[in-house]
Every structure is written in structure tokens, then in C-alpha cells.
Amino acid sequence: MEWNIVSEFIKPELLMVVAACWIIGYILKQTPRVPNWTIIYAVTLVSIIIVFFMLGFTVESFLQGILCGAVAVYGNQLVQQTKRGIDE
């Protein structure tokens, strides 16, 4: 599957939500009291809430929020795994 196909699922005005979620995930990762397994849930929840306020309370907004959170987490993992692969 090409990235262009995946990027068409998220509305362009929500790309800033993806960036915000990436930053929130990074901040949570640096916080010692936050377990790693909770970060994906926190990022997704924040993403859904932001999208609800931007687009209204609809099923489409809910799905867009999930997609934004998922892309933020996936992008972060892509960078981390690439760094680990280069270091090995």
C-alpha cells in the first residue's frame, strides 16, 4: 500500500492534529510516571477530542481522530525503528 493512499484518508486540515499528537506522545514518553503502554491510548484519546472540537461530534470525526492518533504513533515508531536499524 502506498503512503499516498493512506494520506488521503486523513483530511488535510487535520494534519496539524497528527503533529500535535506526535509532540504529545514524545512528551509522555519523556515522563517517567507514564507507562509506555498507555501512551498510544492517551494520544488517541487526545486526538479524538481535538477532532471532535474541530469537526463536530460525528462518527466521521471519531474515525478521523483515530486515524490521526494512529498515524502519529506509527510515524514515531517508524523513526525509532529506523534509528535502531541504522545503529545496529
C-alpha atoms as a PDB file:
ATOM      1  CA  MET A   1       0.000   0.000   0.000  1.00  0.00           C
ATOM      2  CA  GLU A   2       1.361   3.394  -0.937  1.00  0.00           C
ATOM      3  CA  TRP A   3       1.656   6.278   1.523  1.00  0.00           C
ATOM      4  CA  ASN A   4      -0.384   8.499  -0.827  1.00  0.00           C
ATOM      5  CA  ILE A   5      -3.371   6.216  -0.412  1.00  0.00           C
ATOM      6  CA  VAL A   6      -3.083   6.275   3.370  1.00  0.00           C
ATOM      7  CA  SER A   7      -2.618  10.056   3.493  1.00  0.00           C
ATOM      8  CA  GLU A   8      -5.839  10.560   1.524  1.00  0.00           C
ATOM      9  CA  PHE A   9      -7.835   9.042   4.393  1.00  0.00           C
ATOM     10  CA  ILE A  10      -6.968  11.935   6.715  1.00  0.00           C
ATOM     11  CA  LYS A  11      -8.419  15.340   5.921  1.00  0.00           C
ATOM     12  CA  PRO A  12      -5.673  17.890   5.155  1.00  0.00           C
ATOM     13  CA  GLU A  13      -6.882  20.295   7.860  1.00  0.00           C
ATOM     14  CA  LEU A  14      -6.205  17.572  10.433  1.00  0.00           C
ATOM     15  CA  LEU A  15      -2.501  17.170   9.682  1.00  0.00           C
ATOM     16  CA  MET A  16      -1.762  19.639  12.464  1.00  0.00           C
ATOM     17  CA  VAL A  17      -3.572  17.236  14.828  1.00  0.00           C
ATOM     18  CA  VAL A  18      -1.159  14.489  13.752  1.00  0.00           C
ATOM     19  CA  ALA A  19       1.781  16.794  14.503  1.00  0.00           C
ATOM     20  CA  ALA A  20       0.298  17.781  17.878  1.00  0.00           C
ATOM     21  CA  CYS A  21      -0.247  14.117  18.778  1.00  0.00           C
ATOM     22  CA  TRP A  22       3.336  13.304  17.834  1.00  0.00           C
ATOM     23  CA  ILE A  23       4.549  16.025  20.217  1.00  0.00           C
ATOM     24  CA  ILE A  24       2.183  14.870  22.975  1.00  0.00           C
ATOM     25  CA  GLY A  25       3.448  11.307  22.558  1.00  0.00           C
ATOM     26  CA  TYR A  26       7.052  12.489  22.768  1.00  0.00           C
ATOM     27  CA  ILE A  27       6.332  14.455  25.943  1.00  0.00           C
ATOM     28  CA  LEU A  28       4.552  11.476  27.503  1.00  0.00           C
ATOM     29  CA  LYS A  29       7.472   9.218  26.570  1.00  0.00           C
ATOM     30  CA  GLN A  30       9.832  11.533  28.480  1.00  0.00           C
ATOM     31  CA  THR A  31       7.586  11.467  31.565  1.00  0.00           C
ATOM     32  CA  PRO A  32       8.836   8.734  33.925  1.00  0.00           C
ATOM     33  CA  ARG A  33       5.478   8.190  35.653  1.00  0.00           C
ATOM     34  CA  VAL A  34       3.635   7.373  32.401  1.00  0.00           C
ATOM     35  CA  PRO A  35       3.896   3.695  31.401  1.00  0.00           C
ATOM     36  CA  ASN A  36       4.791   3.159  27.741  1.00  0.00           C
ATOM     37  CA  TRP A  37       1.721   1.027  27.072  1.00  0.00           C
ATOM     38  CA  THR A  38      -0.611   3.930  27.992  1.00  0.00           C
ATOM     39  CA  ILE A  39       0.885   6.415  25.552  1.00  0.00           C
ATOM     40  CA  ILE A  40      -0.976   5.114  22.497  1.00  0.00           C
ATOM     41  CA  TYR A  41      -4.289   5.315  24.351  1.00  0.00           C
ATOM     42  CA  ALA A  42      -3.605   8.834  25.609  1.00  0.00           C
ATOM     43  CA  VAL A  43      -2.533  10.064  22.180  1.00  0.00           C
ATOM     44  CA  THR A  44      -5.584   8.525  20.520  1.00  0.00           C
ATOM     45  CA  LEU A  45      -7.958   9.970  23.114  1.00  0.00           C
ATOM     46  CA  VAL A  46      -6.460  13.454  22.782  1.00  0.00           C
ATOM     47  CA  SER A  47      -6.647  13.154  19.006  1.00  0.00           C
ATOM     48  CA  ILE A  48     -10.326  12.189  19.078  1.00  0.00           C
ATOM     49  CA  ILE A  49     -11.161  15.070  21.425  1.00  0.00           C
ATOM     50  CA  ILE A  50      -9.329  17.631  19.269  1.00  0.00           C
ATOM     51  CA  VAL A  51     -11.001  16.390  16.096  1.00  0.00           C
ATOM     52  CA  PHE A  52     -14.426  16.455  17.784  1.00  0.00           C
ATOM     53  CA  PHE A  53     -13.905  20.130  18.579  1.00  0.00           C
ATOM     54  CA  MET A  54     -12.680  20.875  15.070  1.00  0.00           C
ATOM     55  CA  LEU A  55     -15.248  18.938  13.027  1.00  0.00           C
ATOM     56  CA  GLY A  56     -18.135  18.325  15.425  1.00  0.00           C
ATOM     57  CA  PHE A  57     -19.389  15.248  17.194  1.00  0.00           C
ATOM     58  CA  THR A  58     -19.912  12.779  14.350  1.00  0.00           C
ATOM     59  CA  VAL A  59     -18.872   9.238  13.537  1.00  0.00           C
ATOM     60  CA  GLU A  60     -16.582  10.582  10.821  1.00  0.00           C
ATOM     61  CA  SER A  61     -14.860  12.832  13.373  1.00  0.00           C
ATOM     62  CA  PHE A  62     -14.368   9.858  15.663  1.00  0.00           C
ATOM     63  CA  LEU A  63     -12.780   7.847  12.842  1.00  0.00           C
ATOM     64  CA  GLN A  64     -10.633  10.800  11.757  1.00  0.00           C
ATOM     65  CA  GLY A  65      -9.428  11.152  15.362  1.00  0.00           C
ATOM     66  CA  ILE A  66      -8.451   7.501  15.493  1.00  0.00           C
ATOM     67  CA  LEU A  67      -6.612   7.823  12.177  1.00  0.00           C
ATOM     68  CA  CYS A  68      -4.741  10.946  13.323  1.00  0.00           C
ATOM     69  CA  GLY A  69      -3.635   9.258  16.547  1.00  0.00           C
ATOM     70  CA  ALA A  70      -2.655   6.087  14.721  1.00  0.00           C
ATOM     71  CA  VAL A  71      -0.593   7.930  12.103  1.00  0.00           C
ATOM     72  CA  ALA A  72       1.194   9.911  14.822  1.00  0.00           C
ATOM     73  CA  VAL A  73       2.124   6.733  16.713  1.00  0.00           C
ATOM     74  CA  TYR A  74       3.059   4.902  13.504  1.00  0.00           C
ATOM     75  CA  GLY A  75       5.255   7.791  12.343  1.00  0.00           C
ATOM     76  CA  ASN A  76       7.032   7.891  15.676  1.00  0.00           C
ATOM     77  CA  GLN A  77       7.643   4.137  15.604  1.00  0.00           C
ATOM     78  CA  LEU A  78       8.884   4.355  12.027  1.00  0.00           C
ATOM     79  CA  VAL A  79      11.522   6.909  13.052  1.00  0.00           C
ATOM     80  CA  GLN A  80      12.541   4.971  16.186  1.00  0.00           C
ATOM     81  CA  GLN A  81      12.858   1.633  14.410  1.00  0.00           C
ATOM     82  CA  THR A  82      14.837   3.205  11.576  1.00  0.00           C
ATOM     83  CA  LYS A  83      17.282   4.726  14.074  1.00  0.00           C
ATOM     84  CA  ARG A  84      17.671   1.367  15.815  1.00  0.00           C
ATOM     85  CA  GLY A  85      18.247  -0.372  12.489  1.00  0.00           C
ATOM     86  CA  ILE A  86      20.934   2.105  11.466  1.00  0.00           C
ATOM     87  CA  ASP A  87      22.670   1.831  14.851  1.00  0.00           C
ATOM     88  CA  GLU A  88      22.943  -1.969  14.597  1.00  0.00           C
END
